[in-house]
Every structure is written in structure tokens, then in C-alpha cells.
C-alpha atoms as a PDB file:
ATOM      1  CA  UNK A   1       9.904   4.172   6.062  1.00  0.00           C
ATOM      2  CA  UNK A   2       8.669   2.200   9.035  1.00  0.00           C
ATOM      3  CA  UNK A   3       8.346   2.730  12.760  1.00  0.00           C
ATOM      4  CA  UNK A   4      11.196   0.960  14.625  1.00  0.00           C
ATOM      5  CA  UNK A   5       8.750   0.171  17.437  1.00  0.00           C
ATOM      6  CA  UNK A   6       6.398  -1.656  15.127  1.00  0.00           C
ATOM      7  CA  UNK A   7       6.778  -5.443  14.888  1.00  0.00           C
ATOM      8  CA  UNK A   8       6.330  -7.342  11.662  1.00  0.00           C
ATOM      9  CA  UNK A   9       3.740  -9.509  13.368  1.00  0.00           C
ATOM     10  CA  UNK A  10       1.693  -7.939  16.169  1.00  0.00           C
ATOM     11  CA  UNK A  11       0.900  -9.772  19.377  1.00  0.00           C
ATOM     12  CA  UNK A  12      -1.901 -12.211  18.752  1.00  0.00           C
ATOM     13  CA  UNK A  13      -1.245 -12.406  14.977  1.00  0.00           C
ATOM     14  CA  UNK A  14       1.416 -15.108  14.422  1.00  0.00           C
ATOM     15  CA  UNK A  15       3.320 -15.519  11.198  1.00  0.00           C
ATOM     16  CA  UNK A  16       1.532 -18.707  10.130  1.00  0.00           C
ATOM     17  CA  UNK A  17      -1.829 -17.040  10.504  1.00  0.00           C
ATOM     18  CA  UNK A  18      -0.748 -14.012   8.511  1.00  0.00           C
ATOM     19  CA  UNK A  19       0.751 -16.208   5.791  1.00  0.00           C
ATOM     20  CA  UNK A  20      -2.530 -18.120   5.511  1.00  0.00           C
ATOM     21  CA  UNK A  21      -4.499 -14.863   5.201  1.00  0.00           C
ATOM     22  CA  UNK A  22      -1.976 -13.469   2.692  1.00  0.00           C
ATOM     23  CA  UNK A  23      -2.567 -16.466   0.439  1.00  0.00           C
ATOM     24  CA  UNK A  24      -6.280 -15.887   0.483  1.00  0.00           C
ATOM     25  CA  UNK A  25      -5.794 -12.174  -0.250  1.00  0.00           C
ATOM     26  CA  UNK A  26      -3.394 -12.986  -3.118  1.00  0.00           C
ATOM     27  CA  UNK A  27      -5.794 -15.490  -4.644  1.00  0.00           C
ATOM     28  CA  UNK A  28      -8.799 -13.206  -4.285  1.00  0.00           C
ATOM     29  CA  UNK A  29      -7.115 -10.132  -5.782  1.00  0.00           C
ATOM     30  CA  UNK A  30      -5.692 -12.177  -8.700  1.00  0.00           C
ATOM     31  CA  UNK A  31      -9.108 -13.772  -9.315  1.00  0.00           C
ATOM     32  CA  UNK A  32     -10.718 -10.346  -9.435  1.00  0.00           C
ATOM     33  CA  UNK A  33      -8.332  -9.143 -12.147  1.00  0.00           C
ATOM     34  CA  UNK A  34      -8.646 -12.430 -14.077  1.00  0.00           C
ATOM     35  CA  UNK A  35     -12.423 -12.267 -14.014  1.00  0.00           C
ATOM     36  CA  UNK A  36     -12.414  -8.712 -15.303  1.00  0.00           C
ATOM     37  CA  UNK A  37     -10.162  -9.575 -18.172  1.00  0.00           C
ATOM     38  CA  UNK A  38     -10.987 -13.134 -19.129  1.00  0.00           C
ATOM     39  CA  UNK A  39     -14.395 -14.174 -17.673  1.00  0.00           C
ATOM     40  CA  UNK A  40     -16.799 -11.235 -17.709  1.00  0.00           C
ATOM     41  CA  UNK A  41     -18.411 -10.641 -21.096  1.00  0.00           C
ATOM     42  CA  UNK A  42     -16.677  -7.868 -23.039  1.00  0.00           C
ATOM     43  CA  UNK A  43     -18.595  -7.147 -26.223  1.00  0.00           C
ATOM     44  CA  UNK A  44     -16.565  -4.030 -27.113  1.00  0.00           C
ATOM     45  CA  UNK A  45     -13.225  -5.840 -26.927  1.00  0.00           C
ATOM     46  CA  UNK A  46     -11.642  -2.919 -25.066  1.00  0.00           C
ATOM     47  CA  UNK A  47      -8.789  -3.859 -22.718  1.00  0.00           C
ATOM     48  CA  UNK A  48      -9.938  -3.847 -19.109  1.00  0.00           C
ATOM     49  CA  UNK A  49      -6.618  -4.184 -17.445  1.00  0.00           C
ATOM     50  CA  UNK A  50      -5.340  -4.880 -13.963  1.00  0.00           C
ATOM     51  CA  UNK A  51      -2.036  -4.993 -12.121  1.00  0.00           C
ATOM     52  CA  UNK A  52      -1.303  -8.505 -10.864  1.00  0.00           C
ATOM     53  CA  UNK A  53       2.392  -7.921 -10.211  1.00  0.00           C
ATOM     54  CA  UNK A  54       1.785  -4.663  -8.289  1.00  0.00           C
ATOM     55  CA  UNK A  55      -0.853  -6.416  -6.194  1.00  0.00           C
ATOM     56  CA  UNK A  56       1.335  -9.475  -5.515  1.00  0.00           C
ATOM     57  CA  UNK A  57       4.178  -7.376  -4.199  1.00  0.00           C
ATOM     58  CA  UNK A  58       1.868  -5.605  -1.692  1.00  0.00           C
ATOM     59  CA  UNK A  59      -0.043  -8.633  -0.406  1.00  0.00           C
ATOM     60  CA  UNK A  60       2.092  -9.451   2.651  1.00  0.00           C
ATOM     61  CA  UNK A  61       2.744  -5.785   3.511  1.00  0.00           C
ATOM     62  CA  UNK A  62      -0.983  -4.983   3.551  1.00  0.00           C
ATOM     63  CA  UNK A  63      -1.960  -8.270   5.280  1.00  0.00           C
ATOM     64  CA  UNK A  64       0.486  -7.500   8.055  1.00  0.00           C
ATOM     65  CA  UNK A  65      -0.917  -3.974   8.370  1.00  0.00           C
ATOM     66  CA  UNK A  66      -4.642  -4.795   8.354  1.00  0.00           C
ATOM     67  CA  UNK A  67      -4.512  -8.005  10.355  1.00  0.00           C
ATOM     68  CA  UNK A  68      -1.614  -7.267  12.730  1.00  0.00           C
ATOM     69  CA  UNK A  69      -0.828  -3.590  13.034  1.00  0.00           C
ATOM     70  CA  UNK A  70      -3.589  -1.066  12.350  1.00  0.00           C
ATOM     71  CA  UNK A  71      -5.374   0.629  15.186  1.00  0.00           C
ATOM     72  CA  UNK A  72      -8.772   2.418  15.071  1.00  0.00           C
ATOM     73  CA  UNK A  73      -7.214   5.856  14.649  1.00  0.00           C
ATOM     74  CA  UNK A  74      -4.798   4.808  11.814  1.00  0.00           C
ATOM     75  CA  UNK A  75      -5.449   5.795   8.191  1.00  0.00           C
ATOM     76  CA  UNK A  76      -3.836   4.288   5.083  1.00  0.00           C
ATOM     77  CA  UNK A  77      -3.383   5.579   1.590  1.00  0.00           C
ATOM     78  CA  UNK A  78      -3.069   2.525  -0.664  1.00  0.00           C
ATOM     79  CA  UNK A  79      -0.884   2.358  -3.755  1.00  0.00           C
ATOM     80  CA  UNK A  80      -3.269   2.912  -6.734  1.00  0.00           C
ATOM     81  CA  UNK A  81      -2.448  -0.332  -8.552  1.00  0.00           C
ATOM     82  CA  UNK A  82      -2.983  -2.403  -5.323  1.00  0.00           C
ATOM     83  CA  UNK A  83      -6.682  -1.480  -5.281  1.00  0.00           C
ATOM     84  CA  UNK A  84      -7.747  -5.220  -5.705  1.00  0.00           C
ATOM     85  CA  UNK A  85      -5.696  -6.080  -2.573  1.00  0.00           C
ATOM     86  CA  UNK A  86      -7.657  -3.487  -0.549  1.00  0.00           C
ATOM     87  CA  UNK A  87     -10.977  -4.773  -1.850  1.00  0.00           C
ATOM     88  CA  UNK A  88      -9.954  -8.358  -1.075  1.00  0.00           C
ATOM     89  CA  UNK A  89      -8.987  -7.460   2.488  1.00  0.00           C
ATOM     90  CA  UNK A  90     -12.244  -5.548   3.031  1.00  0.00           C
ATOM     91  CA  UNK A  91     -14.169  -8.616   1.639  1.00  0.00           C
ATOM     92  CA  UNK A  92     -12.357 -10.988   3.996  1.00  0.00           C
ATOM     93  CA  UNK A  93     -13.106  -8.631   6.937  1.00  0.00           C
ATOM     94  CA  UNK A  94     -16.801  -8.628   6.045  1.00  0.00           C
ATOM     95  CA  UNK A  95     -16.806  -4.979   4.986  1.00  0.00           C
ATOM     96  CA  UNK A  96     -17.578  -5.612   1.296  1.00  0.00           C
ATOM     97  CA  UNK A  97     -20.525  -7.625  -0.076  1.00  0.00           C
ATOM     98  CA  UNK A  98     -19.585 -10.613  -2.247  1.00  0.00           C
ATOM     99  CA  UNK A  99     -21.707  -9.333  -5.126  1.00  0.00           C
ATOM    100  CA  UNK A 100     -19.111  -6.591  -5.804  1.00  0.00           C
ATOM    101  CA  UNK A 101     -16.170  -8.984  -6.218  1.00  0.00           C
ATOM    102  CA  UNK A 102     -16.740  -9.642  -9.971  1.00  0.00           C
ATOM    103  CA  UNK A 103     -17.209  -5.903 -10.745  1.00  0.00           C
ATOM    104  CA  UNK A 104     -13.613  -4.590 -10.881  1.00  0.00           C
ATOM    105  CA  UNK A 105     -13.381  -1.821 -13.503  1.00  0.00           C
ATOM    106  CA  UNK A 106     -17.105  -2.227 -14.253  1.00  0.00           C
ATOM    107  CA  UNK A 107     -19.392   0.795 -14.393  1.00  0.00           C
ATOM    108  CA  UNK A 108     -20.717   1.274 -10.863  1.00  0.00           C
ATOM    109  CA  UNK A 109     -18.443  -1.455  -9.562  1.00  0.00           C
ATOM    110  CA  UNK A 110     -15.141  -1.588  -7.777  1.00  0.00           C
ATOM    111  CA  UNK A 111     -12.690   1.084  -8.870  1.00  0.00           C
ATOM    112  CA  UNK A 112      -9.200   0.297 -10.291  1.00  0.00           C
ATOM    113  CA  UNK A 113      -7.823   3.016  -7.979  1.00  0.00           C
ATOM    114  CA  UNK A 114      -9.189   3.373  -4.474  1.00  0.00           C
ATOM    115  CA  UNK A 115     -11.933   5.956  -4.391  1.00  0.00           C
ATOM    116  CA  UNK A 116     -13.754   7.397  -1.298  1.00  0.00           C
ATOM    117  CA  UNK A 117     -16.661   8.566  -3.415  1.00  0.00           C
ATOM    118  CA  UNK A 118     -17.117   5.655  -5.886  1.00  0.00           C
ATOM    119  CA  UNK A 119     -16.087   2.466  -4.089  1.00  0.00           C
ATOM    120  CA  UNK A 120     -18.732   0.671  -1.944  1.00  0.00           C
ATOM    121  CA  UNK A 121     -16.209  -0.364   0.694  1.00  0.00           C
ATOM    122  CA  UNK A 122     -14.071   1.709   3.111  1.00  0.00           C
ATOM    123  CA  UNK A 123     -11.311   3.781   1.523  1.00  0.00           C
ATOM    124  CA  UNK A 124      -9.349   6.194   3.651  1.00  0.00           C
ATOM    125  CA  UNK A 125      -7.791   8.228   0.822  1.00  0.00           C
ATOM    126  CA  UNK A 126      -8.604   8.365  -2.871  1.00  0.00           C
ATOM    127  CA  UNK A 127      -5.459   7.678  -4.785  1.00  0.00           C
ATOM    128  CA  UNK A 128      -4.388   7.863  -8.442  1.00  0.00           C
ATOM    129  CA  UNK A 129      -1.794   9.521 -10.652  1.00  0.00           C
ATOM    130  CA  UNK A 130       0.716  12.383 -10.049  1.00  0.00           C
ATOM    131  CA  UNK A 131       1.442  11.234  -6.476  1.00  0.00           C
ATOM    132  CA  UNK A 132      -1.762  12.594  -4.977  1.00  0.00           C
ATOM    133  CA  UNK A 133      -2.382   9.467  -2.905  1.00  0.00           C
ATOM    134  CA  UNK A 134       1.202   9.277  -1.732  1.00  0.00           C
ATOM    135  CA  UNK A 135       1.108  12.777  -0.180  1.00  0.00           C
ATOM    136  CA  UNK A 136      -2.479  12.679   1.112  1.00  0.00           C
ATOM    137  CA  UNK A 137      -1.559  11.262   4.507  1.00  0.00           C
ATOM    138  CA  UNK A 138       0.774  14.269   5.068  1.00  0.00           C
ATOM    139  CA  UNK A 139      -2.151  16.625   4.815  1.00  0.00           C
ATOM    140  CA  UNK A 140      -4.252  14.229   6.916  1.00  0.00           C
ATOM    141  CA  UNK A 141      -1.618  14.421   9.662  1.00  0.00           C
ATOM    142  CA  UNK A 142      -1.608  18.253   9.458  1.00  0.00           C
ATOM    143  CA  UNK A 143      -5.402  18.380   9.551  1.00  0.00           C
ATOM    144  CA  UNK A 144      -5.382  16.196  12.662  1.00  0.00           C
ATOM    145  CA  UNK A 145      -2.861  18.596  14.327  1.00  0.00           C
ATOM    146  CA  UNK A 146      -5.162  21.493  13.535  1.00  0.00           C
ATOM    147  CA  UNK A 147      -8.258  19.769  14.911  1.00  0.00           C
ATOM    148  CA  UNK A 148      -6.337  18.722  18.054  1.00  0.00           C
ATOM    149  CA  UNK A 149      -5.208  22.236  18.826  1.00  0.00           C
ATOM    150  CA  UNK A 150      -8.421  23.999  17.830  1.00  0.00           C
ATOM    151  CA  UNK A 151     -11.284  21.722  18.921  1.00  0.00           C
ATOM    152  CA  UNK A 152      -9.723  19.160  21.250  1.00  0.00           C
ATOM    153  CA  UNK A 153      -7.883  15.847  21.079  1.00  0.00           C
ATOM    154  CA  UNK A 154      -8.923  13.396  18.351  1.00  0.00           C
ATOM    155  CA  UNK A 155      -6.964  10.483  19.737  1.00  0.00           C
ATOM    156  CA  UNK A 156      -3.753   8.740  18.534  1.00  0.00           C
ATOM    157  CA  UNK A 157      -3.187   7.323  15.101  1.00  0.00           C
ATOM    158  CA  UNK A 158      -0.614   6.892  12.372  1.00  0.00           C
ATOM    159  CA  UNK A 159      -0.939   8.018   8.770  1.00  0.00           C
ATOM    160  CA  UNK A 160       0.381   5.343   6.392  1.00  0.00           C
ATOM    161  CA  UNK A 161       1.302   5.842   2.766  1.00  0.00           C
ATOM    162  CA  UNK A 162       1.865   2.766   0.587  1.00  0.00           C
ATOM    163  CA  UNK A 163       3.691   3.756  -2.553  1.00  0.00           C
ATOM    164  CA  UNK A 164       5.620   2.074  -5.418  1.00  0.00           C
ATOM    165  CA  UNK A 165       9.067   3.118  -6.441  1.00  0.00           C
ATOM    166  CA  UNK A 166       7.750   4.270  -9.836  1.00  0.00           C
ATOM    167  CA  UNK A 167       5.272   6.633  -8.049  1.00  0.00           C
ATOM    168  CA  UNK A 168       8.363   8.431  -6.625  1.00  0.00           C
ATOM    169  CA  UNK A 169       9.098   9.759 -10.130  1.00  0.00           C
ATOM    170  CA  UNK A 170       6.386  12.369  -9.524  1.00  0.00           C
ATOM    171  CA  UNK A 171       7.804  15.841  -8.595  1.00  0.00           C
ATOM    172  CA  UNK A 172       4.752  16.543  -6.402  1.00  0.00           C
ATOM    173  CA  UNK A 173       5.897  13.807  -4.012  1.00  0.00           C
ATOM    174  CA  UNK A 174       9.291  15.375  -3.397  1.00  0.00           C
ATOM    175  CA  UNK A 175       7.820  18.860  -3.012  1.00  0.00           C
ATOM    176  CA  UNK A 176       5.815  17.511  -0.097  1.00  0.00           C
ATOM    177  CA  UNK A 177       8.608  15.362   1.361  1.00  0.00           C
ATOM    178  CA  UNK A 178      10.981  18.294   1.404  1.00  0.00           C
ATOM    179  CA  UNK A 179       8.650  20.618   3.389  1.00  0.00           C
ATOM    180  CA  UNK A 180      10.383  21.274   6.728  1.00  0.00           C
ATOM    181  CA  UNK A 181       7.213  20.706   8.758  1.00  0.00           C
ATOM    182  CA  UNK A 182       6.626  17.211   7.347  1.00  0.00           C
ATOM    183  CA  UNK A 183       9.690  15.664   8.957  1.00  0.00           C
ATOM    184  CA  UNK A 184       8.333  16.796  12.374  1.00  0.00           C
ATOM    185  CA  UNK A 185       4.899  15.239  12.066  1.00  0.00           C
ATOM    186  CA  UNK A 186       6.007  11.988  13.685  1.00  0.00           C
ATOM    187  CA  UNK A 187       2.927   9.870  13.026  1.00  0.00           C
ATOM    188  CA  UNK A 188       3.542   9.650   9.255  1.00  0.00           C
ATOM    189  CA  UNK A 189       4.859   6.315   7.905  1.00  0.00           C
ATOM    190  CA  UNK A 190       5.694   5.711   4.282  1.00  0.00           C
ATOM    191  CA  UNK A 191       6.211   2.197   3.000  1.00  0.00           C
ATOM    192  CA  UNK A 192       7.984   2.125  -0.368  1.00  0.00           C
ATOM    193  CA  UNK A 193       7.469  -1.060  -2.401  1.00  0.00           C
ATOM    194  CA  UNK A 194      10.564  -1.497  -4.538  1.00  0.00           C
ATOM    195  CA  UNK A 195       9.121  -3.902  -7.068  1.00  0.00           C
ATOM    196  CA  UNK A 196      10.488  -2.112 -10.183  1.00  0.00           C
ATOM    197  CA  UNK A 197       7.011  -2.213 -11.772  1.00  0.00           C
ATOM    198  CA  UNK A 198       5.761   0.825 -13.681  1.00  0.00           C
ATOM    199  CA  UNK A 199       2.582   1.249 -15.731  1.00  0.00           C
ATOM    200  CA  UNK A 200       4.379   0.953 -19.058  1.00  0.00           C
ATOM    201  CA  UNK A 201       7.868  -0.398 -18.307  1.00  0.00           C
ATOM    202  CA  UNK A 202      10.164  -2.170 -15.886  1.00  0.00           C
ATOM    203  CA  UNK A 203      12.027   0.437 -13.853  1.00  0.00           C
ATOM    204  CA  UNK A 204      15.518   0.066 -15.270  1.00  0.00           C
ATOM    205  CA  UNK A 205      17.615   0.813 -12.131  1.00  0.00           C
ATOM    206  CA  UNK A 206      17.209  -0.364  -8.538  1.00  0.00           C
ATOM    207  CA  UNK A 207      17.510   3.010  -6.905  1.00  0.00           C
ATOM    208  CA  UNK A 208      17.099   2.074  -3.248  1.00  0.00           C
ATOM    209  CA  UNK A 209      20.335   3.752  -2.049  1.00  0.00           C
ATOM    210  CA  UNK A 210      19.480   6.977  -3.914  1.00  0.00           C
ATOM    211  CA  UNK A 211      15.963   7.065  -2.497  1.00  0.00           C
ATOM    212  CA  UNK A 212      17.289   6.375   1.013  1.00  0.00           C
ATOM    213  CA  UNK A 213      19.601   9.347   0.701  1.00  0.00           C
ATOM    214  CA  UNK A 214      16.872  11.656  -0.657  1.00  0.00           C
ATOM    215  CA  UNK A 215      14.508  10.844   2.233  1.00  0.00           C
ATOM    216  CA  UNK A 216      17.308  11.117   4.809  1.00  0.00           C
ATOM    217  CA  UNK A 217      18.405  14.479   3.383  1.00  0.00           C
ATOM    218  CA  UNK A 218      14.846  15.764   3.924  1.00  0.00           C
ATOM    219  CA  UNK A 219      15.054  14.879   7.608  1.00  0.00           C
ATOM    220  CA  UNK A 220      13.192  11.483   7.490  1.00  0.00           C
ATOM    221  CA  UNK A 221      14.138   8.394   9.438  1.00  0.00           C
ATOM    222  CA  UNK A 222      14.828   5.638   6.883  1.00  0.00           C
ATOM    223  CA  UNK A 223      14.735   1.897   7.566  1.00  0.00           C
ATOM    224  CA  UNK A 224      15.454  -0.514   4.742  1.00  0.00           C
ATOM    225  CA  UNK A 225      14.199  -4.063   4.615  1.00  0.00           C
ATOM    226  CA  UNK A 226      16.332  -5.805   1.975  1.00  0.00           C
ATOM    227  CA  UNK A 227      15.130  -9.403   2.189  1.00  0.00           C
ATOM    228  CA  UNK A 228      12.272 -11.366   3.723  1.00  0.00           C
ATOM    229  CA  UNK A 229      12.584 -14.342   6.027  1.00  0.00           C
ATOM    230  CA  UNK A 230      12.284 -16.842   3.189  1.00  0.00           C
ATOM    231  CA  UNK A 231      15.311 -15.425   1.297  1.00  0.00           C
ATOM    232  CA  UNK A 232      17.286 -15.078   4.511  1.00  0.00           C
ATOM    233  CA  UNK A 233      16.660 -18.697   5.326  1.00  0.00           C
ATOM    234  CA  UNK A 234      17.937 -19.679   1.854  1.00  0.00           C
ATOM    235  CA  UNK A 235      21.065 -17.526   2.331  1.00  0.00           C
ATOM    236  CA  UNK A 236      21.856 -19.484   5.525  1.00  0.00           C
ATOM    237  CA  UNK A 237      21.898 -22.827   3.710  1.00  0.00           C
ATOM    238  CA  UNK A 238      24.980 -24.380   2.091  1.00  0.00           C
ATOM    239  CA  UNK A 239      25.687 -22.381  -1.051  1.00  0.00           C
ATOM    240  CA  UNK A 240      23.694 -19.457   0.209  1.00  0.00           C
ATOM    241  CA  UNK A 241      26.625 -17.074  -0.027  1.00  0.00           C
ATOM    242  CA  UNK A 242      26.759 -17.551  -3.810  1.00  0.00           C
ATOM    243  CA  UNK A 243      23.002 -17.086  -3.996  1.00  0.00           C
END
């Protein structure tokens, strides 16, 4: 879900600039995962891991958010497997020291899932399995409402949740989505990355229409972005209809 008033590129952040930043974020996040798996000494031989595909599918979304959309009062819950993208963005913004970049999945280093208590850089919400990270911004929005009415205004801000389609397999997510009060919060924005990537499989069916209907039935406004500008430009060329 996205806010219809939000632009893909905010004023002052043109598309070419965001594309250039996105390339740096993609390279940096991929290099972090490669270093953890192939460069850093690993005497035990245990698999370190990393999620290059999940990171790559989030690069442009997160670049647009951090470098073109987010305001001081906004908070973001990042998809767990996109942790290297968050660390790369924080590094490019000067919020993460370079010495941490080779420490992904290392003891005392950068965490594979964003962690408020263990990561050295800024993390708004700790995320991980069973949909906890996906639903955390809902409780953040409710907490802000309570503080506003009890102690005084805290200022405006949106609560963003970046989730993958596989993460929506968790029942806890839908228990939260279906709560009648959630659809009235207003400042909550969920962005669902339909990349069909799961931890141990490729999601077999593209379930976008079903997910649209499930969110809409819970009272959410649903906006679907089917293709990016690059694909749309290809469709407009000769032979594009067949493509």
C-alpha cells in the first residue's frame, strides 16, 4: 500500500540522482554479503548466508524512501532479508562507520536482521520471523496516538512497513491487518515487495490479486504498481505488446 499523495521522486531528488544512489546501494549491499561468504576467513566452514535477491528487489524502493520521501517523524520497519540495504544506506548517509561494513553476520557486527539493540546504526524496528517486523509499525502508530492524547502532540509522521510476499504467509500478520482499528490509523503505509523469494523456495504462485482483495476486505486502501518505468518504456516500443 502506498499513499496516493506521495510521489515516486520527491521535489529536489530527481530520478537520475536516485538511480545513481540506488546503484551504489546495490553494489554496497551485494559486496557486504559476498565478503561475509567468500572473503572473510571462515575456519569452521559453516554457511554464513545472505539474501542478495531479496536485497536487490528492495534497493530502489528503499532508496526512494530514504533519499526522497522520509521526514523526521517517519519510522520504517525494514524487511528482515533487506538488512544489508539498510546498513548500506546508513553508511552512505554517514550514520555507520566504515569499519562495520565487513562484519555482516559476524559476532558483534552487523545483524542479518535489523536489530535496535545489536546493530551499531539506526534501526527503527527490530524485525525477524513470524511477521513481528511487519506488524510493529501498527503498534507504533497506536502508541503515538496514545502519547498524543495523553501527553501532547508528538508531531506528524508515517509508519512504513516494508514486507515481502512470503512474509504474508504468517497468520500473525493477518490477525493485525484485520483489526478494525488498524484501517483507521491513516498514517500506516505497507509496501509489499512481490519478488516471489522465500527463505527456502520460490513462491509458486503470483498472488497479487488475492492479496489485494484480502487487504481491501480489511478496509485498507490498495494501490498496485505492476511495472516500473523501464518495463513500461519497453512495452511502448515496436513489439512491446507481445513482450
